[in-house]
């Protein structure tokens, strides 16, 4: 078979894969994997204990009546949800940051501490990890 035809076939196949849905990281207390054919990816960060979980949904987010996310506010990929009942029948509530994103593997799993450092967003932070040296060193050493 002609190498150009093979290349064109694989190129078309790679371009068609995103049409079938997103791939999202699935990380929780029980599993770590990747799920496929999702409409959007999610990340949840519980503020009290600092727990994080990641996943995705096959349903369109606007069709999920229990999903309390303001999709009209597209500037924020993460929104603070307050008064969420804790599932231990205690009647207590907590606050959770609910995040959605629409690109494959956009919900890369990281800690609650990293989420706070990023400014409560899934978007990458481009802050330098090493602080520059202070030029006003009184000893004259560098």
Protein backbone atom coordinates (compact mmCIF):
# COMPACT_ATOMS: atom_id res chain seq x y z
CA UNK A 1 0.00 0.00 0.00
CA UNK A 2 1.16 3.53 -0.78
CA UNK A 3 2.83 5.22 2.26
CA UNK A 4 1.00 8.48 1.48
CA UNK A 5 -2.35 6.70 1.70
CA UNK A 6 -1.38 5.13 5.03
CA UNK A 7 -0.24 8.51 6.35
CA UNK A 8 -3.48 10.18 5.17
CA UNK A 9 -5.53 7.42 6.84
CA UNK A 10 -3.80 7.83 10.22
CA UNK A 11 -3.97 11.61 9.96
CA UNK A 12 -7.73 11.45 9.32
CA UNK A 13 -8.15 8.97 12.16
CA UNK A 14 -6.29 11.22 14.62
CA UNK A 15 -8.38 14.21 13.59
CA UNK A 16 -11.62 12.23 13.99
CA UNK A 17 -10.92 10.92 17.50
CA UNK A 18 -11.85 14.20 19.27
CA UNK A 19 -15.25 14.07 17.57
CA UNK A 20 -16.14 11.03 19.65
CA UNK A 21 -15.67 12.87 22.95
CA UNK A 22 -13.10 13.92 25.47
CA UNK A 23 -10.73 11.81 27.50
CA UNK A 24 -10.72 12.82 31.17
CA UNK A 25 -8.64 11.82 34.17
CA UNK A 26 -10.62 9.75 36.66
CA UNK A 27 -9.08 9.95 40.12
CA UNK A 28 -10.87 9.32 43.42
CA UNK A 29 -10.46 7.22 46.56
CA UNK A 30 -11.02 3.98 44.62
CA UNK A 31 -9.47 4.36 41.18
CA UNK A 32 -6.95 6.16 39.02
CA UNK A 33 -7.54 5.87 35.28
CA UNK A 34 -8.65 7.73 32.17
CA UNK A 35 -12.25 7.68 30.93
CA UNK A 36 -13.22 8.37 27.33
CA UNK A 37 -16.15 9.68 25.28
CA UNK A 38 -17.09 12.48 27.73
CA UNK A 39 -18.82 15.80 27.05
CA UNK A 40 -16.74 17.62 29.68
CA UNK A 41 -14.13 16.92 32.35
CA UNK A 42 -14.54 17.75 36.04
CA UNK A 43 -12.50 18.40 39.14
CA UNK A 44 -13.86 18.81 42.66
CA UNK A 45 -11.89 20.25 45.57
CA UNK A 46 -13.42 19.99 49.06
CA UNK A 47 -12.31 23.01 51.07
CA UNK A 48 -12.51 21.59 54.61
CA UNK A 49 -10.42 18.44 54.29
CA UNK A 50 -8.64 19.40 51.07
CA UNK A 51 -9.79 16.28 49.20
CA UNK A 52 -9.78 16.30 45.40
CA UNK A 53 -11.48 14.09 42.83
CA UNK A 54 -11.45 14.17 39.05
CA UNK A 55 -13.71 12.73 36.36
CA UNK A 56 -15.97 13.54 33.45
CA UNK A 57 -19.56 13.24 32.29
CA UNK A 58 -21.24 11.75 29.23
CA UNK A 59 -24.25 14.06 29.68
CA UNK A 60 -24.22 17.68 28.59
CA UNK A 61 -23.69 19.80 31.72
CA UNK A 62 -26.86 21.85 31.15
CA UNK A 63 -28.89 18.61 31.24
CA UNK A 64 -27.69 17.79 34.76
CA UNK A 65 -30.29 19.34 37.06
CA UNK A 66 -28.32 18.57 40.23
CA UNK A 67 -25.12 20.10 38.87
CA UNK A 68 -25.05 23.58 40.43
CA UNK A 69 -22.64 25.27 38.04
CA UNK A 70 -23.28 28.68 36.45
CA UNK A 71 -22.48 28.01 32.80
CA UNK A 72 -23.34 31.61 31.88
CA UNK A 73 -20.23 32.69 33.78
CA UNK A 74 -17.69 31.24 31.35
CA UNK A 75 -14.82 33.33 32.73
CA UNK A 76 -14.46 30.99 35.71
CA UNK A 77 -13.59 27.35 35.08
CA UNK A 78 -14.04 26.71 38.82
CA UNK A 79 -16.86 27.95 41.03
CA UNK A 80 -17.30 27.69 44.79
CA UNK A 81 -20.36 25.66 45.80
CA UNK A 82 -21.44 26.23 49.41
CA UNK A 83 -23.86 24.32 51.63
CA UNK A 84 -23.10 20.93 50.07
CA UNK A 85 -24.36 18.13 52.38
CA UNK A 86 -21.65 15.79 53.65
CA UNK A 87 -22.63 12.21 52.80
CA UNK A 88 -22.28 10.83 56.32
CA UNK A 89 -25.88 11.53 57.47
CA UNK A 90 -24.60 14.02 60.06
CA UNK A 91 -26.50 16.92 58.53
CA UNK A 92 -23.28 18.92 58.24
CA UNK A 93 -22.40 20.79 55.07
CA UNK A 94 -19.18 21.72 53.34
CA UNK A 95 -17.94 23.89 50.48
CA UNK A 96 -16.62 22.44 47.24
CA UNK A 97 -14.88 24.04 44.28
CA UNK A 98 -16.55 22.56 41.17
CA UNK A 99 -14.47 22.84 38.00
CA UNK A 100 -15.31 21.99 34.39
CA UNK A 101 -13.18 22.05 31.26
CA UNK A 102 -13.70 21.05 27.65
CA UNK A 103 -10.39 19.67 26.34
CA UNK A 104 -9.04 16.14 26.65
CA UNK A 105 -7.14 15.60 29.90
CA UNK A 106 -7.70 19.23 30.93
CA UNK A 107 -8.45 18.02 34.47
CA UNK A 108 -4.91 16.91 35.28
CA UNK A 109 -5.00 15.71 38.90
CA UNK A 110 -3.15 17.85 41.42
CA UNK A 111 -3.49 18.57 45.13
CA UNK A 112 -5.80 21.04 46.82
CA UNK A 113 -2.71 23.02 47.84
CA UNK A 114 -1.67 23.36 44.19
CA UNK A 115 -5.23 24.37 43.30
CA UNK A 116 -5.06 27.19 45.87
CA UNK A 117 -1.62 28.29 44.58
CA UNK A 118 -3.06 28.50 41.06
CA UNK A 119 -5.76 30.87 42.27
CA UNK A 120 -8.63 28.32 42.30
CA UNK A 121 -8.39 27.37 38.63
CA UNK A 122 -7.43 24.34 36.54
CA UNK A 123 -5.55 26.60 34.16
CA UNK A 124 -1.76 26.34 34.31
CA UNK A 125 0.09 28.83 36.46
CA UNK A 126 3.18 30.40 34.98
CA UNK A 127 4.65 31.71 38.21
CA UNK A 128 8.36 30.97 38.61
CA UNK A 129 9.00 28.16 41.06
CA UNK A 130 12.31 29.72 42.16
CA UNK A 131 12.36 33.21 43.59
CA UNK A 132 14.93 35.53 42.00
CA UNK A 133 17.86 36.57 44.18
CA UNK A 134 17.51 39.84 46.03
CA UNK A 135 19.90 42.37 44.45
CA UNK A 136 20.03 44.46 47.62
CA UNK A 137 22.29 42.00 49.45
CA UNK A 138 24.15 44.09 52.05
CA UNK A 139 27.12 41.71 52.23
CA UNK A 140 28.07 42.22 48.61
CA UNK A 141 28.01 38.45 47.96
CA UNK A 142 25.99 36.99 45.13
